[in-house]
Amino acid sequence: MLTFTYCPNVNIETTGRIVRPAQEGSDVTVPPIPRFHLAVPVDDLVAARRFYGNVLGLKQGRSADTWVDWNLRGHQFVTHLAPGRAQRIHNPVDGHDVPVPHFGLILTIPGFHELAARLRTANTEFVIEPHVRFEGQPGEQWTMFLLDPAGNALEFKAFADDSQVFAS
């Protein structure tokens, strides 16, 4: 049984999703799960703005001389100026060397293919080309890995069955 407390200016749709009126000019809605905040080091903010803003198409938020906020599909993603990189590490996953650490988003399958096409149009070099991983197994998914201009590894994926995100 779900119980809801009355909150002014908050509407709970029949799906249980909380919808708050966005501030004027905002394109952020409250997601059904908590939003995350992630800050990553970059060695060149101009290159970061070009990659995250132009190549990935993220909307830029607040910024200063040493950092830039980005709207990563409703999540707060921040690039912080921090010259110097640590040693790269890879772990084997389904026959590929996966860069560690990495971050990214779980997309719909059409959204995954749209992003892959956008990245190819921008002549992005993939660490691991878009492909199906764990085919025919629990957790079957489309996945691709790439690096931002500072060497941060990103993974974008889409599950054949979204209910298997945490399948074992």
N, C-alpha and C. Protein backbone atom coordinates (compact mmCIF):
# COMPACT_ATOMS: atom_id res chain seq x y z
N MET A 1 0.84 -1.18 0.00
CA MET A 1 0.00 0.00 0.00
C MET A 1 0.88 1.24 0.00
N LEU A 2 0.60 2.16 -0.90
CA LEU A 2 1.35 3.41 -0.97
C LEU A 2 0.60 4.51 -0.25
N THR A 3 1.29 5.28 0.53
CA THR A 3 0.68 6.44 1.20
C THR A 3 1.43 7.68 0.75
N PHE A 4 0.69 8.71 0.48
CA PHE A 4 1.30 9.95 0.05
C PHE A 4 0.90 11.08 1.00
N THR A 5 1.86 11.89 1.34
CA THR A 5 1.59 13.07 2.16
C THR A 5 1.35 14.24 1.22
N TYR A 6 0.39 15.07 1.54
CA TYR A 6 0.10 16.22 0.69
C TYR A 6 1.25 17.20 0.73
N CYS A 7 1.71 17.60 -0.42
CA CYS A 7 2.74 18.63 -0.56
C CYS A 7 2.23 19.63 -1.58
N PRO A 8 2.20 20.91 -1.25
CA PRO A 8 1.75 21.91 -2.23
C PRO A 8 2.63 21.88 -3.47
N ASN A 9 2.04 22.12 -4.61
CA ASN A 9 2.72 22.19 -5.90
C ASN A 9 3.36 20.87 -6.32
N VAL A 10 2.94 19.76 -5.74
CA VAL A 10 3.46 18.45 -6.14
C VAL A 10 2.28 17.60 -6.58
N ASN A 11 2.39 16.99 -7.75
CA ASN A 11 1.34 16.15 -8.28
C ASN A 11 1.90 14.73 -8.40
N ILE A 12 1.17 13.74 -7.94
CA ILE A 12 1.61 12.36 -8.10
C ILE A 12 0.72 11.75 -9.16
N GLU A 13 1.36 11.42 -10.31
CA GLU A 13 0.62 10.83 -11.41
C GLU A 13 0.13 9.45 -11.03
N THR A 14 -0.76 8.89 -11.84
CA THR A 14 -1.27 7.55 -11.55
C THR A 14 -0.16 6.50 -11.60
N THR A 15 0.96 6.81 -12.23
CA THR A 15 2.09 5.88 -12.28
C THR A 15 2.89 5.91 -10.99
N GLY A 16 2.59 6.86 -10.09
CA GLY A 16 3.37 6.99 -8.87
C GLY A 16 4.56 7.92 -9.04
N ARG A 17 4.75 8.43 -10.24
CA ARG A 17 5.87 9.33 -10.51
C ARG A 17 5.53 10.69 -9.93
N ILE A 18 6.47 11.27 -9.20
CA ILE A 18 6.26 12.59 -8.62
C ILE A 18 6.60 13.64 -9.66
N VAL A 19 5.70 14.57 -9.87
CA VAL A 19 5.92 15.63 -10.84
C VAL A 19 5.82 16.96 -10.11
N ARG A 20 6.89 17.71 -10.10
CA ARG A 20 6.88 19.04 -9.51
C ARG A 20 6.96 20.04 -10.64
N PRO A 21 6.30 21.16 -10.51
CA PRO A 21 6.42 22.18 -11.55
C PRO A 21 7.88 22.61 -11.67
N ALA A 22 8.41 22.61 -12.87
CA ALA A 22 9.78 23.05 -13.09
C ALA A 22 9.85 24.57 -13.01
N GLN A 23 11.00 25.07 -12.60
CA GLN A 23 11.19 26.51 -12.63
C GLN A 23 11.14 26.96 -14.08
N GLU A 24 10.71 28.17 -14.30
CA GLU A 24 10.60 28.69 -15.65
C GLU A 24 11.93 28.55 -16.37
N GLY A 25 11.90 27.99 -17.57
CA GLY A 25 13.10 27.81 -18.38
C GLY A 25 13.86 26.53 -18.06
N SER A 26 13.39 25.73 -17.09
CA SER A 26 14.07 24.50 -16.70
C SER A 26 13.52 23.34 -17.51
N ASP A 27 14.41 22.39 -17.87
CA ASP A 27 13.95 21.20 -18.56
C ASP A 27 14.16 19.96 -17.69
N VAL A 28 14.25 20.16 -16.37
CA VAL A 28 14.47 19.06 -15.45
C VAL A 28 13.15 18.67 -14.81
N THR A 29 12.83 17.38 -14.86
CA THR A 29 11.68 16.86 -14.14
C THR A 29 12.22 15.95 -13.05
N VAL A 30 11.44 15.70 -12.05
CA VAL A 30 11.86 14.83 -10.96
C VAL A 30 11.71 13.39 -11.42
N PRO A 31 12.79 12.63 -11.48
CA PRO A 31 12.71 11.25 -11.97
C PRO A 31 12.09 10.32 -10.91
N PRO A 32 11.70 9.11 -11.34
CA PRO A 32 11.10 8.18 -10.39
C PRO A 32 12.11 7.63 -9.38
N ILE A 33 13.39 7.78 -9.64
CA ILE A 33 14.42 7.38 -8.69
C ILE A 33 15.29 8.60 -8.39
N PRO A 34 16.02 8.58 -7.27
CA PRO A 34 16.85 9.75 -6.95
C PRO A 34 17.88 10.03 -8.04
N ARG A 35 18.14 11.31 -8.25
CA ARG A 35 19.17 11.71 -9.20
C ARG A 35 20.54 11.57 -8.55
N PHE A 36 21.56 11.29 -9.36
CA PHE A 36 22.90 11.21 -8.81
C PHE A 36 23.68 12.47 -9.15
N HIS A 37 24.74 12.69 -8.42
CA HIS A 37 25.71 13.75 -8.67
C HIS A 37 27.05 13.06 -8.86
N LEU A 38 27.73 13.38 -9.95
CA LEU A 38 29.03 12.79 -10.22
C LEU A 38 29.95 13.89 -10.72
N ALA A 39 31.14 13.97 -10.13
CA ALA A 39 32.15 14.93 -10.57
C ALA A 39 33.36 14.14 -11.08
N VAL A 40 33.85 14.52 -12.26
CA VAL A 40 35.01 13.84 -12.84
C VAL A 40 36.09 14.86 -13.17
N PRO A 41 37.35 14.42 -13.13
CA PRO A 41 38.44 15.33 -13.47
C PRO A 41 38.61 15.46 -14.98
N VAL A 42 38.91 16.67 -15.43
CA VAL A 42 39.26 16.92 -16.83
C VAL A 42 40.49 17.81 -16.85
N ASP A 43 41.27 17.75 -17.91
CA ASP A 43 42.47 18.57 -17.98
C ASP A 43 42.32 19.77 -18.92
N ASP A 44 41.13 19.92 -19.53
CA ASP A 44 40.89 21.01 -20.46
C ASP A 44 39.38 21.29 -20.50
N LEU A 45 38.95 22.40 -19.91
CA LEU A 45 37.51 22.69 -19.87
C LEU A 45 36.94 23.06 -21.24
N VAL A 46 37.74 23.64 -22.11
CA VAL A 46 37.27 23.96 -23.46
C VAL A 46 36.95 22.66 -24.20
N ALA A 47 37.87 21.69 -24.11
CA ALA A 47 37.64 20.39 -24.75
C ALA A 47 36.45 19.69 -24.10
N ALA A 48 36.30 19.80 -22.78
CA ALA A 48 35.17 19.19 -22.09
C ALA A 48 33.86 19.82 -22.56
N ARG A 49 33.83 21.14 -22.70
CA ARG A 49 32.61 21.82 -23.18
C ARG A 49 32.26 21.35 -24.60
N ARG A 50 33.27 21.22 -25.44
CA ARG A 50 33.03 20.79 -26.81
C ARG A 50 32.48 19.35 -26.82
N PHE A 51 33.09 18.45 -26.04
CA PHE A 51 32.67 17.06 -26.03
C PHE A 51 31.30 16.88 -25.39
N TYR A 52 31.13 17.35 -24.15
CA TYR A 52 29.88 17.13 -23.44
C TYR A 52 28.74 17.99 -23.99
N GLY A 53 29.05 19.20 -24.42
CA GLY A 53 28.02 20.08 -24.96
C GLY A 53 27.69 19.80 -26.41
N ASN A 54 28.71 19.76 -27.27
CA ASN A 54 28.47 19.61 -28.71
C ASN A 54 28.33 18.16 -29.15
N VAL A 55 29.25 17.29 -28.72
CA VAL A 55 29.21 15.90 -29.19
C VAL A 55 28.08 15.13 -28.51
N LEU A 56 28.03 15.16 -27.17
CA LEU A 56 26.97 14.42 -26.47
C LEU A 56 25.66 15.19 -26.39
N GLY A 57 25.70 16.50 -26.58
CA GLY A 57 24.48 17.31 -26.59
C GLY A 57 23.90 17.60 -25.21
N LEU A 58 24.75 17.58 -24.17
CA LEU A 58 24.26 17.89 -22.83
C LEU A 58 24.09 19.39 -22.65
N LYS A 59 23.07 19.77 -21.88
CA LYS A 59 22.84 21.18 -21.58
C LYS A 59 23.76 21.60 -20.44
N GLN A 60 24.46 22.71 -20.65
CA GLN A 60 25.37 23.22 -19.63
C GLN A 60 24.59 23.99 -18.58
N GLY A 61 24.99 23.80 -17.33
CA GLY A 61 24.40 24.54 -16.21
C GLY A 61 25.37 25.60 -15.73
N ARG A 62 25.46 25.72 -14.41
CA ARG A 62 26.38 26.71 -13.83
C ARG A 62 27.82 26.34 -14.13
N SER A 63 28.71 27.34 -14.04
CA SER A 63 30.12 27.06 -14.27
C SER A 63 30.97 28.13 -13.60
N ALA A 64 32.24 27.83 -13.47
CA ALA A 64 33.24 28.77 -12.95
C ALA A 64 34.51 28.52 -13.75
N ASP A 65 35.59 29.14 -13.35
CA ASP A 65 36.86 28.97 -14.08
C ASP A 65 37.40 27.54 -14.00
N THR A 66 36.98 26.78 -12.99
CA THR A 66 37.55 25.44 -12.80
C THR A 66 36.54 24.30 -12.86
N TRP A 67 35.28 24.58 -13.17
CA TRP A 67 34.30 23.51 -13.27
C TRP A 67 33.10 23.92 -14.13
N VAL A 68 32.37 22.89 -14.61
CA VAL A 68 31.16 23.10 -15.40
C VAL A 68 30.14 22.04 -14.99
N ASP A 69 28.91 22.48 -14.67
CA ASP A 69 27.79 21.56 -14.40
C ASP A 69 27.13 21.19 -15.72
N TRP A 70 26.69 19.94 -15.82
CA TRP A 70 25.98 19.44 -17.01
C TRP A 70 24.72 18.72 -16.58
N ASN A 71 23.68 18.79 -17.42
CA ASN A 71 22.45 18.05 -17.20
C ASN A 71 22.58 16.74 -17.96
N LEU A 72 22.87 15.67 -17.24
CA LEU A 72 23.02 14.35 -17.84
C LEU A 72 21.69 13.60 -17.66
N ARG A 73 20.72 13.96 -18.50
CA ARG A 73 19.37 13.39 -18.46
C ARG A 73 18.77 13.48 -17.06
N GLY A 74 18.89 14.66 -16.46
CA GLY A 74 18.31 14.90 -15.15
C GLY A 74 19.26 14.68 -13.99
N HIS A 75 20.44 14.15 -14.26
CA HIS A 75 21.44 13.93 -13.22
C HIS A 75 22.46 15.06 -13.28
N GLN A 76 23.04 15.41 -12.13
CA GLN A 76 24.02 16.48 -12.10
C GLN A 76 25.41 15.89 -12.31
N PHE A 77 25.98 16.22 -13.44
CA PHE A 77 27.30 15.75 -13.83
C PHE A 77 28.21 16.97 -13.89
N VAL A 78 29.38 16.90 -13.27
CA VAL A 78 30.27 18.05 -13.19
C VAL A 78 31.65 17.68 -13.69
N THR A 79 32.20 18.52 -14.57
CA THR A 79 33.59 18.36 -15.00
C THR A 79 34.42 19.37 -14.22
N HIS A 80 35.43 18.87 -13.49
CA HIS A 80 36.31 19.71 -12.68
C HIS A 80 37.70 19.72 -13.28
N LEU A 81 38.27 20.89 -13.42
CA LEU A 81 39.63 21.02 -13.94
C LEU A 81 40.60 20.39 -12.94
N ALA A 82 41.32 19.37 -13.38
CA ALA A 82 42.27 18.65 -12.53
C ALA A 82 43.33 18.00 -13.41
N PRO A 83 44.32 18.79 -13.83
CA PRO A 83 45.35 18.25 -14.73
C PRO A 83 46.06 17.03 -14.14
N GLY A 84 46.45 16.11 -15.00
CA GLY A 84 47.15 14.89 -14.58
C GLY A 84 46.20 13.72 -14.52
N ARG A 85 46.63 12.58 -15.03
CA ARG A 85 45.78 11.38 -15.08
C ARG A 85 46.46 10.22 -14.37
N ALA A 86 45.67 9.37 -13.77
CA ALA A 86 46.18 8.16 -13.13
C ALA A 86 46.36 7.07 -14.18
N GLN A 87 46.99 5.99 -13.77
CA GLN A 87 47.19 4.83 -14.63
C GLN A 87 45.85 4.24 -15.05
N ARG A 88 45.75 3.82 -16.29
CA ARG A 88 44.52 3.21 -16.78
C ARG A 88 44.49 1.73 -16.39
N ILE A 89 43.30 1.27 -15.99
CA ILE A 89 43.11 -0.12 -15.60
C ILE A 89 41.96 -0.68 -16.44
N HIS A 90 42.07 -1.94 -16.83
CA HIS A 90 41.02 -2.62 -17.60
C HIS A 90 40.71 -3.96 -16.94
N ASN A 91 39.45 -4.38 -17.01
CA ASN A 91 39.03 -5.70 -16.54
C ASN A 91 38.35 -6.42 -17.69
N PRO A 92 38.57 -7.74 -17.82
CA PRO A 92 37.90 -8.48 -18.90
C PRO A 92 36.41 -8.70 -18.59
N VAL A 93 35.56 -8.35 -19.57
CA VAL A 93 34.12 -8.58 -19.46
C VAL A 93 33.63 -9.07 -20.82
N ASP A 94 33.12 -10.28 -20.88
CA ASP A 94 32.56 -10.84 -22.10
C ASP A 94 33.48 -10.67 -23.31
N GLY A 95 34.77 -10.92 -23.10
CA GLY A 95 35.73 -10.89 -24.20
C GLY A 95 36.29 -9.53 -24.56
N HIS A 96 35.98 -8.49 -23.78
CA HIS A 96 36.51 -7.15 -24.04
C HIS A 96 37.22 -6.62 -22.79
N ASP A 97 38.21 -5.76 -23.00
CA ASP A 97 38.89 -5.10 -21.89
C ASP A 97 38.14 -3.82 -21.54
N VAL A 98 37.39 -3.86 -20.45
CA VAL A 98 36.55 -2.74 -20.02
C VAL A 98 37.37 -1.78 -19.16
N PRO A 99 37.39 -0.48 -19.52
CA PRO A 99 38.14 0.48 -18.72
C PRO A 99 37.50 0.72 -17.35
N VAL A 100 38.35 0.81 -16.32
CA VAL A 100 37.91 1.05 -14.96
C VAL A 100 38.70 2.22 -14.40
N PRO A 101 38.04 3.21 -13.79
CA PRO A 101 36.59 3.34 -13.62
C PRO A 101 35.92 3.82 -14.90
N HIS A 102 34.61 3.73 -14.93
CA HIS A 102 33.82 4.30 -16.02
C HIS A 102 32.43 4.64 -15.47
N PHE A 103 31.70 5.45 -16.23
CA PHE A 103 30.34 5.83 -15.86
C PHE A 103 29.55 6.01 -17.13
N GLY A 104 28.25 6.13 -17.01
CA GLY A 104 27.42 6.33 -18.20
C GLY A 104 25.96 6.25 -17.86
N LEU A 105 25.17 5.95 -18.87
CA LEU A 105 23.71 5.88 -18.71
C LEU A 105 23.18 4.59 -19.31
N ILE A 106 22.06 4.14 -18.75
CA ILE A 106 21.30 3.05 -19.35
C ILE A 106 20.20 3.71 -20.17
N LEU A 107 20.22 3.47 -21.46
CA LEU A 107 19.29 4.10 -22.39
C LEU A 107 18.27 3.08 -22.89
N THR A 108 17.29 3.55 -23.65
CA THR A 108 16.43 2.64 -24.39
C THR A 108 17.24 2.16 -25.59
N ILE A 109 16.81 1.08 -26.21
CA ILE A 109 17.55 0.58 -27.38
C ILE A 109 17.54 1.61 -28.51
N PRO A 110 16.39 2.24 -28.84
CA PRO A 110 16.44 3.29 -29.87
C PRO A 110 17.35 4.45 -29.45
N GLY A 111 17.29 4.85 -28.18
CA GLY A 111 18.16 5.93 -27.70
C GLY A 111 19.64 5.57 -27.80
N PHE A 112 19.96 4.31 -27.53
CA PHE A 112 21.33 3.82 -27.66
C PHE A 112 21.82 3.98 -29.10
N HIS A 113 21.00 3.53 -30.05
CA HIS A 113 21.40 3.59 -31.46
C HIS A 113 21.47 5.04 -31.97
N GLU A 114 20.58 5.90 -31.46
CA GLU A 114 20.66 7.32 -31.82
C GLU A 114 21.96 7.93 -31.33
N LEU A 115 22.35 7.62 -30.09
CA LEU A 115 23.60 8.15 -29.55
C LEU A 115 24.80 7.58 -30.30
N ALA A 116 24.78 6.30 -30.61
CA ALA A 116 25.88 5.68 -31.36
C ALA A 116 26.04 6.38 -32.71
N ALA A 117 24.94 6.67 -33.38
CA ALA A 117 25.00 7.38 -34.67
C ALA A 117 25.55 8.78 -34.49
N ARG A 118 25.12 9.47 -33.44
CA ARG A 118 25.62 10.83 -33.15
C ARG A 118 27.13 10.80 -32.92
N LEU A 119 27.59 9.81 -32.15
CA LEU A 119 29.03 9.70 -31.86
C LEU A 119 29.82 9.37 -33.13
N ARG A 120 29.28 8.50 -33.97
CA ARG A 120 29.96 8.18 -35.24
C ARG A 120 30.03 9.41 -36.14
N THR A 121 28.96 10.19 -36.18
CA THR A 121 28.94 11.42 -36.99
C THR A 121 30.02 12.39 -36.50
N ALA A 122 30.27 12.40 -35.19
CA ALA A 122 31.30 13.27 -34.60
C ALA A 122 32.69 12.64 -34.67
N ASN A 123 32.82 11.52 -35.40
CA ASN A 123 34.09 10.80 -35.55
C ASN A 123 34.71 10.41 -34.21
N THR A 124 33.86 10.00 -33.28
CA THR A 124 34.33 9.55 -31.97
C THR A 124 35.05 8.21 -32.11
N GLU A 125 36.18 8.10 -31.44
CA GLU A 125 36.91 6.83 -31.42
C GLU A 125 36.38 6.01 -30.24
N PHE A 126 35.90 4.83 -30.51
CA PHE A 126 35.35 3.97 -29.46
C PHE A 126 36.47 3.12 -28.85
N VAL A 127 36.43 2.96 -27.54
CA VAL A 127 37.31 2.01 -26.85
C VAL A 127 36.76 0.61 -27.13
N ILE A 128 35.45 0.47 -27.03
CA ILE A 128 34.74 -0.75 -27.41
C ILE A 128 33.56 -0.32 -28.27
N GLU A 129 33.56 -0.78 -29.52
CA GLU A 129 32.51 -0.42 -30.48
C GLU A 129 31.14 -0.87 -29.99
N PRO A 130 30.07 -0.19 -30.41
CA PRO A 130 28.73 -0.62 -30.05
C PRO A 130 28.49 -2.07 -30.49
N HIS A 131 28.03 -2.88 -29.56
CA HIS A 131 27.76 -4.29 -29.84
C HIS A 131 26.84 -4.87 -28.77
N VAL A 132 26.36 -6.09 -29.01
CA VAL A 132 25.53 -6.79 -28.04
C VAL A 132 26.45 -7.62 -27.15
N ARG A 133 26.24 -7.51 -25.84
CA ARG A 133 27.02 -8.25 -24.85
C ARG A 133 26.07 -9.21 -24.12
N PHE A 134 26.58 -10.35 -23.72
CA PHE A 134 25.80 -11.38 -23.00
C PHE A 134 24.59 -11.83 -23.82
N GLU A 135 24.79 -11.96 -25.12
CA GLU A 135 23.68 -12.32 -26.01
C GLU A 135 23.05 -13.65 -25.60
N GLY A 136 21.71 -13.64 -25.49
CA GLY A 136 20.96 -14.83 -25.12
C GLY A 136 21.06 -15.20 -23.65
N GLN A 137 21.69 -14.36 -22.84
CA GLN A 137 21.85 -14.62 -21.41
C GLN A 137 21.09 -13.57 -20.60
N PRO A 138 20.90 -13.83 -19.30
CA PRO A 138 20.32 -12.77 -18.46
C PRO A 138 21.19 -11.51 -18.54
N GLY A 139 20.57 -10.37 -18.67
CA GLY A 139 21.32 -9.11 -18.75
C GLY A 139 21.82 -8.79 -20.15
N GLU A 140 21.28 -9.45 -21.18
CA GLU A 140 21.69 -9.13 -22.56
C GLU A 140 21.53 -7.63 -22.78
N GLN A 141 22.56 -7.03 -23.40
CA GLN A 141 22.56 -5.58 -23.54
C GLN A 141 23.41 -5.11 -24.71
N TRP A 142 23.01 -3.98 -25.28
CA TRP A 142 23.85 -3.24 -26.20
C TRP A 142 24.79 -2.41 -25.33
N THR A 143 26.05 -2.27 -25.73
CA THR A 143 27.00 -1.48 -24.95
C THR A 143 28.03 -0.85 -25.87
N MET A 144 28.58 0.26 -25.42
CA MET A 144 29.69 0.92 -26.12
C MET A 144 30.49 1.72 -25.09
N PHE A 145 31.79 1.79 -25.30
CA PHE A 145 32.69 2.54 -24.43
C PHE A 145 33.47 3.55 -25.25
N LEU A 146 33.68 4.72 -24.66
CA LEU A 146 34.48 5.76 -25.29
C LEU A 146 35.15 6.58 -24.20
N LEU A 147 36.10 7.40 -24.59
CA LEU A 147 36.79 8.29 -23.65
C LEU A 147 36.43 9.72 -23.96
N ASP A 148 36.29 10.54 -22.91
CA ASP A 148 36.15 11.98 -23.14
C ASP A 148 37.54 12.54 -23.42
N PRO A 149 37.67 13.82 -23.76
CA PRO A 149 39.00 14.37 -24.10
C PRO A 149 40.02 14.27 -22.96
N ALA A 150 39.57 14.14 -21.70
CA ALA A 150 40.50 14.01 -20.58
C ALA A 150 40.83 12.55 -20.26
N GLY A 151 40.25 11.61 -21.00
CA GLY A 151 40.54 10.21 -20.77
C GLY A 151 39.56 9.51 -19.83
N ASN A 152 38.50 10.18 -19.39
CA ASN A 152 37.48 9.53 -18.57
C ASN A 152 36.68 8.57 -19.43
N ALA A 153 36.51 7.34 -18.95
CA ALA A 153 35.79 6.33 -19.71
C ALA A 153 34.29 6.43 -19.46
N LEU A 154 33.52 6.37 -20.54
CA LEU A 154 32.06 6.40 -20.48
C LEU A 154 31.53 5.13 -21.11
N GLU A 155 30.49 4.56 -20.49
CA GLU A 155 29.78 3.43 -21.07
C GLU A 155 28.32 3.82 -21.22
N PHE A 156 27.77 3.56 -22.38
CA PHE A 156 26.35 3.72 -22.61
C PHE A 156 25.82 2.34 -22.98
N LYS A 157 24.68 1.98 -22.41
CA LYS A 157 24.14 0.64 -22.65
C LYS A 157 22.63 0.68 -22.74
N ALA A 158 22.07 -0.39 -23.28
CA ALA A 158 20.62 -0.55 -23.37
C ALA A 158 20.32 -2.04 -23.24
N PHE A 159 19.45 -2.38 -22.31
CA PHE A 159 19.12 -3.78 -22.05
C PHE A 159 18.02 -4.26 -22.99
N ALA A 160 18.15 -5.51 -23.43
CA ALA A 160 17.11 -6.13 -24.25
C ALA A 160 15.81 -6.20 -23.45
N ASP A 161 15.95 -6.43 -22.13
CA ASP A 161 14.80 -6.48 -21.22
C ASP A 161 15.20 -5.64 -20.01
N ASP A 162 14.62 -4.46 -19.89
CA ASP A 162 15.00 -3.52 -18.84
C ASP A 162 14.83 -4.09 -17.44
N SER A 163 13.97 -5.10 -17.28
CA SER A 163 13.78 -5.69 -15.95
C SER A 163 14.98 -6.52 -15.54
N GLN A 164 15.93 -6.75 -16.45
CA GLN A 164 17.11 -7.56 -16.15
C GLN A 164 18.35 -6.72 -15.84
N VAL A 165 18.18 -5.44 -15.55
CA VAL A 165 19.34 -4.60 -15.23
C VAL A 165 20.15 -5.19 -14.09
N PHE A 166 19.49 -5.77 -13.10
CA PHE A 166 20.20 -6.35 -11.95
C PHE A 166 20.11 -7.88 -11.93
N ALA A 167 19.84 -8.48 -13.09
CA ALA A 167 19.71 -9.94 -13.17
C ALA A 167 21.04 -10.61 -12.82
N SER A 168 20.94 -11.80 -12.23
CA SER A 168 22.15 -12.56 -11.92
C SER A 168 22.14 -13.89 -12.63
